[in-house]
C-alpha cells in the first residue's frame, strides 16, 4: 500500500477558491469512483492550511488522481494560490482506529 501526505498553505484571500477546487475533485471522484484509491482532505484550524492524504492499494502504478480532470484544474494554479508550496511526504501507517471514511464504521 502506498500512502502520501501533501501539506500546503494558501493565501488568505484564496482559501475559499482552493476549497471549491477541492470539492470539485470530490464531486468527480464520487462520479468516477477510481478503484484502489482512498483520499481525504483536511482544512486546518487556521483556515489557510490544507492536508491531503492519498492511499493506494498497490505500491506500483499511476495514481488515479492524475486522471481526474478536476484534480488537474486544482493543480494548475496551486503555485499562485499558495503562501507555502506543497510538501509531499510518504506515510507508513502504524495503526488506525475508526479513521474518518473507514467503511468498517458505517
N, C-alpha and C. Protein backbone atom coordinates (compact mmCIF):
# COMPACT_ATOMS: atom_id res chain seq x y z
N UNK A 1 0.84 -1.17 0.00
CA UNK A 1 0.00 0.00 0.00
C UNK A 1 0.89 1.24 0.00
N UNK A 2 0.56 2.20 -0.83
CA UNK A 2 1.31 3.45 -0.92
C UNK A 2 0.46 4.57 -0.35
N UNK A 3 1.03 5.32 0.61
CA UNK A 3 0.32 6.43 1.23
C UNK A 3 1.17 7.68 1.14
N UNK A 4 0.51 8.79 0.78
CA UNK A 4 1.21 10.05 0.61
C UNK A 4 0.40 11.15 1.30
N UNK A 5 1.14 12.09 1.92
CA UNK A 5 0.52 13.25 2.52
C UNK A 5 1.10 14.50 1.86
N UNK A 6 0.21 15.43 1.50
CA UNK A 6 0.63 16.70 0.93
C UNK A 6 0.07 17.80 1.82
N UNK A 7 0.96 18.72 2.21
CA UNK A 7 0.53 19.84 3.05
C UNK A 7 0.97 21.13 2.40
N UNK A 8 0.12 22.14 2.46
CA UNK A 8 0.43 23.46 1.90
C UNK A 8 -0.42 24.51 2.58
N UNK A 9 -0.04 25.76 2.37
CA UNK A 9 -0.76 26.89 2.95
C UNK A 9 -1.09 27.87 1.83
N UNK A 10 -2.38 28.20 1.69
CA UNK A 10 -2.81 29.12 0.65
C UNK A 10 -2.84 30.56 1.18
N UNK A 11 -2.85 31.49 0.26
CA UNK A 11 -3.01 32.90 0.63
C UNK A 11 -4.41 33.07 1.21
N UNK A 12 -4.56 33.87 2.26
CA UNK A 12 -5.87 34.01 2.92
C UNK A 12 -7.01 34.34 1.97
N UNK A 13 -6.76 35.18 0.99
CA UNK A 13 -7.83 35.56 0.06
C UNK A 13 -8.12 34.49 -0.99
N UNK A 14 -7.38 33.39 -0.97
CA UNK A 14 -7.57 32.30 -1.94
C UNK A 14 -8.10 31.02 -1.29
N UNK A 15 -8.34 31.04 0.02
CA UNK A 15 -8.76 29.83 0.74
C UNK A 15 -10.11 29.31 0.24
N UNK A 16 -11.07 30.19 0.03
CA UNK A 16 -12.39 29.75 -0.45
C UNK A 16 -12.29 29.16 -1.85
N UNK A 17 -11.49 29.78 -2.71
CA UNK A 17 -11.29 29.26 -4.06
C UNK A 17 -10.66 27.87 -4.00
N UNK A 18 -9.65 27.70 -3.14
CA UNK A 18 -9.00 26.40 -3.01
C UNK A 18 -9.99 25.35 -2.55
N UNK A 19 -10.82 25.70 -1.57
CA UNK A 19 -11.81 24.75 -1.07
C UNK A 19 -12.80 24.35 -2.17
N UNK A 20 -13.22 25.31 -2.98
CA UNK A 20 -14.12 25.00 -4.10
C UNK A 20 -13.47 24.03 -5.08
N UNK A 21 -12.20 24.25 -5.39
CA UNK A 21 -11.49 23.36 -6.31
C UNK A 21 -11.38 21.95 -5.73
N UNK A 22 -11.12 21.86 -4.43
CA UNK A 22 -11.04 20.56 -3.77
C UNK A 22 -12.39 19.86 -3.80
N UNK A 23 -13.46 20.59 -3.53
CA UNK A 23 -14.81 20.00 -3.56
C UNK A 23 -15.15 19.47 -4.95
N UNK A 24 -14.68 20.16 -5.99
CA UNK A 24 -14.91 19.69 -7.36
C UNK A 24 -14.21 18.36 -7.61
N UNK A 25 -13.03 18.17 -7.02
CA UNK A 25 -12.31 16.90 -7.13
C UNK A 25 -13.17 15.79 -6.53
N UNK A 26 -13.73 16.05 -5.34
CA UNK A 26 -14.54 15.02 -4.68
C UNK A 26 -15.82 14.73 -5.45
N UNK A 27 -16.40 15.74 -6.08
CA UNK A 27 -17.59 15.51 -6.89
C UNK A 27 -17.27 14.58 -8.05
N UNK A 28 -16.12 14.79 -8.69
CA UNK A 28 -15.74 13.92 -9.80
C UNK A 28 -15.37 12.52 -9.29
N UNK A 29 -14.70 12.44 -8.15
CA UNK A 29 -14.37 11.13 -7.59
C UNK A 29 -15.64 10.35 -7.25
N UNK A 30 -16.63 11.04 -6.77
CA UNK A 30 -17.91 10.38 -6.46
C UNK A 30 -18.54 9.79 -7.72
N UNK A 31 -18.40 10.51 -8.83
CA UNK A 31 -18.96 10.01 -10.10
C UNK A 31 -18.12 8.88 -10.68
N UNK A 32 -16.80 9.00 -10.61
CA UNK A 32 -15.93 8.05 -11.31
C UNK A 32 -15.47 6.88 -10.45
N UNK A 33 -15.41 7.05 -9.15
CA UNK A 33 -15.04 6.01 -8.19
C UNK A 33 -13.83 5.19 -8.63
N UNK A 34 -12.64 5.82 -8.73
CA UNK A 34 -11.45 5.08 -9.17
C UNK A 34 -11.11 3.92 -8.21
N UNK A 35 -10.83 2.78 -8.78
CA UNK A 35 -10.52 1.58 -7.99
C UNK A 35 -9.20 1.76 -7.25
N UNK A 36 -9.19 1.28 -6.01
CA UNK A 36 -7.96 1.24 -5.23
C UNK A 36 -7.53 2.54 -4.59
N UNK A 37 -8.32 3.61 -4.71
CA UNK A 37 -7.93 4.92 -4.19
C UNK A 37 -8.73 5.26 -2.93
N UNK A 38 -8.03 5.72 -1.93
CA UNK A 38 -8.63 6.34 -0.74
C UNK A 38 -8.02 7.73 -0.67
N UNK A 39 -8.85 8.72 -0.41
CA UNK A 39 -8.36 10.09 -0.48
C UNK A 39 -9.13 10.95 0.51
N UNK A 40 -8.43 11.76 1.25
CA UNK A 40 -9.06 12.65 2.23
C UNK A 40 -8.36 14.00 2.20
N UNK A 41 -9.12 15.06 2.43
CA UNK A 41 -8.57 16.40 2.51
C UNK A 41 -9.06 17.04 3.80
N UNK A 42 -8.16 17.72 4.47
CA UNK A 42 -8.49 18.41 5.71
C UNK A 42 -8.05 19.86 5.61
N UNK A 43 -8.89 20.76 6.12
CA UNK A 43 -8.52 22.16 6.24
C UNK A 43 -8.24 22.40 7.72
N UNK A 44 -7.04 22.89 8.02
CA UNK A 44 -6.65 23.09 9.40
C UNK A 44 -7.34 24.31 10.00
N UNK A 45 -7.27 24.42 11.30
CA UNK A 45 -7.98 25.44 12.06
C UNK A 45 -7.62 26.86 11.61
N UNK A 46 -6.42 27.08 11.11
CA UNK A 46 -6.04 28.42 10.69
C UNK A 46 -6.78 28.89 9.44
N UNK A 47 -7.48 27.96 8.77
CA UNK A 47 -8.29 28.29 7.60
C UNK A 47 -7.53 28.38 6.30
N UNK A 48 -6.22 28.38 6.35
CA UNK A 48 -5.42 28.50 5.13
C UNK A 48 -4.49 27.31 4.87
N UNK A 49 -4.36 26.42 5.85
CA UNK A 49 -3.52 25.24 5.69
C UNK A 49 -4.40 24.04 5.32
N UNK A 50 -3.94 23.28 4.34
CA UNK A 50 -4.67 22.11 3.86
C UNK A 50 -3.75 20.90 3.89
N UNK A 51 -4.32 19.74 4.19
CA UNK A 51 -3.59 18.49 4.17
C UNK A 51 -4.41 17.50 3.35
N UNK A 52 -3.76 16.87 2.38
CA UNK A 52 -4.38 15.83 1.56
C UNK A 52 -3.67 14.52 1.87
N UNK A 53 -4.44 13.46 2.08
CA UNK A 53 -3.87 12.14 2.31
C UNK A 53 -4.43 11.21 1.25
N UNK A 54 -3.53 10.56 0.54
CA UNK A 54 -3.90 9.65 -0.54
C UNK A 54 -3.35 8.27 -0.22
N UNK A 55 -4.16 7.26 -0.42
CA UNK A 55 -3.75 5.89 -0.17
C UNK A 55 -4.14 5.04 -1.37
N UNK A 56 -3.18 4.26 -1.86
CA UNK A 56 -3.42 3.35 -2.98
C UNK A 56 -3.20 1.92 -2.53
N UNK A 57 -3.97 1.02 -3.07
CA UNK A 57 -3.87 -0.38 -2.67
C UNK A 57 -2.54 -1.02 -3.07
N UNK A 58 -1.88 -0.47 -4.06
CA UNK A 58 -0.64 -1.05 -4.55
C UNK A 58 0.47 -0.01 -4.54
N UNK A 59 1.70 -0.48 -4.44
CA UNK A 59 2.85 0.42 -4.47
C UNK A 59 3.25 0.79 -5.89
N UNK A 60 2.76 0.04 -6.86
CA UNK A 60 3.11 0.29 -8.26
C UNK A 60 1.95 0.96 -8.98
N UNK A 61 2.27 1.47 -10.13
CA UNK A 61 1.24 2.05 -10.98
C UNK A 61 1.02 3.53 -10.71
N UNK A 62 0.25 4.07 -11.59
CA UNK A 62 -0.03 5.50 -11.56
C UNK A 62 -1.17 5.81 -10.60
N UNK A 63 -1.10 6.95 -9.94
CA UNK A 63 -2.16 7.38 -9.04
C UNK A 63 -3.39 7.75 -9.86
N UNK A 64 -4.55 7.19 -9.56
CA UNK A 64 -5.77 7.51 -10.33
C UNK A 64 -6.14 8.99 -10.28
N UNK A 65 -5.64 9.73 -9.30
CA UNK A 65 -5.94 11.17 -9.23
C UNK A 65 -5.44 11.90 -10.47
N UNK A 66 -4.37 11.40 -11.07
CA UNK A 66 -3.81 12.07 -12.25
C UNK A 66 -4.77 12.03 -13.43
N UNK A 67 -5.75 11.14 -13.39
CA UNK A 67 -6.73 11.03 -14.47
C UNK A 67 -8.00 11.84 -14.20
N UNK A 68 -8.10 12.46 -13.03
CA UNK A 68 -9.29 13.22 -12.65
C UNK A 68 -9.15 14.65 -13.15
N UNK A 69 -10.04 15.07 -14.05
CA UNK A 69 -9.95 16.39 -14.66
C UNK A 69 -10.01 17.51 -13.62
N UNK A 70 -10.87 17.36 -12.63
CA UNK A 70 -10.98 18.38 -11.58
C UNK A 70 -9.69 18.49 -10.78
N UNK A 71 -8.97 17.39 -10.62
CA UNK A 71 -7.69 17.42 -9.92
C UNK A 71 -6.66 18.18 -10.74
N UNK A 72 -6.68 18.00 -12.05
CA UNK A 72 -5.78 18.74 -12.92
C UNK A 72 -6.05 20.24 -12.81
N UNK A 73 -7.33 20.63 -12.77
CA UNK A 73 -7.67 22.04 -12.59
C UNK A 73 -7.20 22.56 -11.24
N UNK A 74 -7.32 21.74 -10.21
CA UNK A 74 -6.85 22.10 -8.87
C UNK A 74 -5.35 22.35 -8.89
N UNK A 75 -4.60 21.49 -9.56
CA UNK A 75 -3.14 21.61 -9.59
C UNK A 75 -2.65 22.78 -10.43
N UNK A 76 -3.40 23.17 -11.45
CA UNK A 76 -2.95 24.20 -12.39
C UNK A 76 -2.46 25.47 -11.72
N UNK A 77 -3.21 26.03 -10.81
CA UNK A 77 -2.83 27.32 -10.22
C UNK A 77 -2.36 27.22 -8.79
N UNK A 78 -1.95 26.05 -8.36
CA UNK A 78 -1.59 25.87 -6.94
C UNK A 78 -0.46 26.80 -6.52
N UNK A 79 0.51 27.01 -7.38
CA UNK A 79 1.63 27.90 -7.03
C UNK A 79 1.19 29.32 -6.77
N UNK A 80 0.25 29.81 -7.57
CA UNK A 80 -0.26 31.17 -7.40
C UNK A 80 -1.14 31.31 -6.16
N UNK A 81 -1.81 30.21 -5.76
CA UNK A 81 -2.70 30.27 -4.60
C UNK A 81 -1.96 30.16 -3.28
N UNK A 82 -0.72 29.65 -3.32
CA UNK A 82 -0.03 29.28 -2.08
C UNK A 82 0.88 30.36 -1.52
N UNK A 83 0.88 30.45 -0.19
CA UNK A 83 1.90 31.18 0.55
C UNK A 83 3.06 30.23 0.86
N UNK A 84 2.74 28.96 1.13
CA UNK A 84 3.74 27.92 1.35
C UNK A 84 3.45 26.79 0.36
N UNK A 85 4.42 26.50 -0.48
CA UNK A 85 4.25 25.50 -1.54
C UNK A 85 3.96 24.12 -0.95
N UNK A 86 3.29 23.27 -1.72
CA UNK A 86 3.01 21.92 -1.26
C UNK A 86 4.29 21.13 -0.95
N UNK A 87 4.26 20.42 0.16
CA UNK A 87 5.33 19.49 0.50
C UNK A 87 4.72 18.10 0.54
N UNK A 88 5.42 17.14 -0.02
CA UNK A 88 4.93 15.78 -0.15
C UNK A 88 5.75 14.87 0.75
N UNK A 89 5.06 14.00 1.47
CA UNK A 89 5.74 13.03 2.33
C UNK A 89 5.08 11.67 2.17
N UNK A 90 5.89 10.63 2.07
CA UNK A 90 5.38 9.26 2.07
C UNK A 90 5.02 8.90 3.51
N UNK A 91 3.95 8.17 3.70
CA UNK A 91 3.49 7.77 5.02
C UNK A 91 3.61 6.26 5.18
N UNK A 92 3.87 5.84 6.40
CA UNK A 92 3.84 4.43 6.75
C UNK A 92 2.90 4.31 7.94
N UNK A 93 1.76 3.66 7.72
CA UNK A 93 0.76 3.55 8.77
C UNK A 93 1.22 2.61 9.86
N UNK A 94 1.10 3.06 11.08
CA UNK A 94 1.39 2.24 12.24
C UNK A 94 0.10 1.61 12.74
N UNK A 95 -0.98 2.34 12.65
CA UNK A 95 -2.28 1.84 13.06
C UNK A 95 -3.33 2.91 12.88
N UNK A 96 -4.59 2.52 12.93
CA UNK A 96 -5.68 3.48 12.87
C UNK A 96 -6.87 2.86 13.59
N UNK A 97 -7.69 3.71 14.12
CA UNK A 97 -8.89 3.26 14.82
C UNK A 97 -10.04 4.12 14.38
N UNK A 98 -11.00 3.52 13.68
CA UNK A 98 -12.18 4.22 13.21
C UNK A 98 -11.84 5.53 12.51
N UNK A 99 -10.90 5.44 11.60
CA UNK A 99 -10.47 6.60 10.84
C UNK A 99 -11.61 7.11 9.97
N UNK A 100 -11.70 8.42 9.81
CA UNK A 100 -12.73 9.06 9.01
C UNK A 100 -12.85 8.40 7.64
N UNK A 101 -14.05 8.00 7.27
CA UNK A 101 -14.29 7.39 5.97
C UNK A 101 -14.08 5.90 5.92
N UNK A 102 -13.70 5.30 7.02
CA UNK A 102 -13.45 3.86 7.07
C UNK A 102 -14.78 3.11 6.92
N UNK A 103 -14.91 2.25 5.91
CA UNK A 103 -16.15 1.53 5.67
C UNK A 103 -16.58 0.67 6.84
N UNK A 104 -15.63 0.22 7.66
CA UNK A 104 -15.99 -0.66 8.78
C UNK A 104 -16.80 0.07 9.84
N UNK A 105 -16.81 1.39 9.80
CA UNK A 105 -17.55 2.18 10.79
C UNK A 105 -18.99 2.41 10.35
N UNK A 106 -19.26 2.37 9.06
CA UNK A 106 -20.59 2.72 8.54
C UNK A 106 -21.65 1.76 8.94
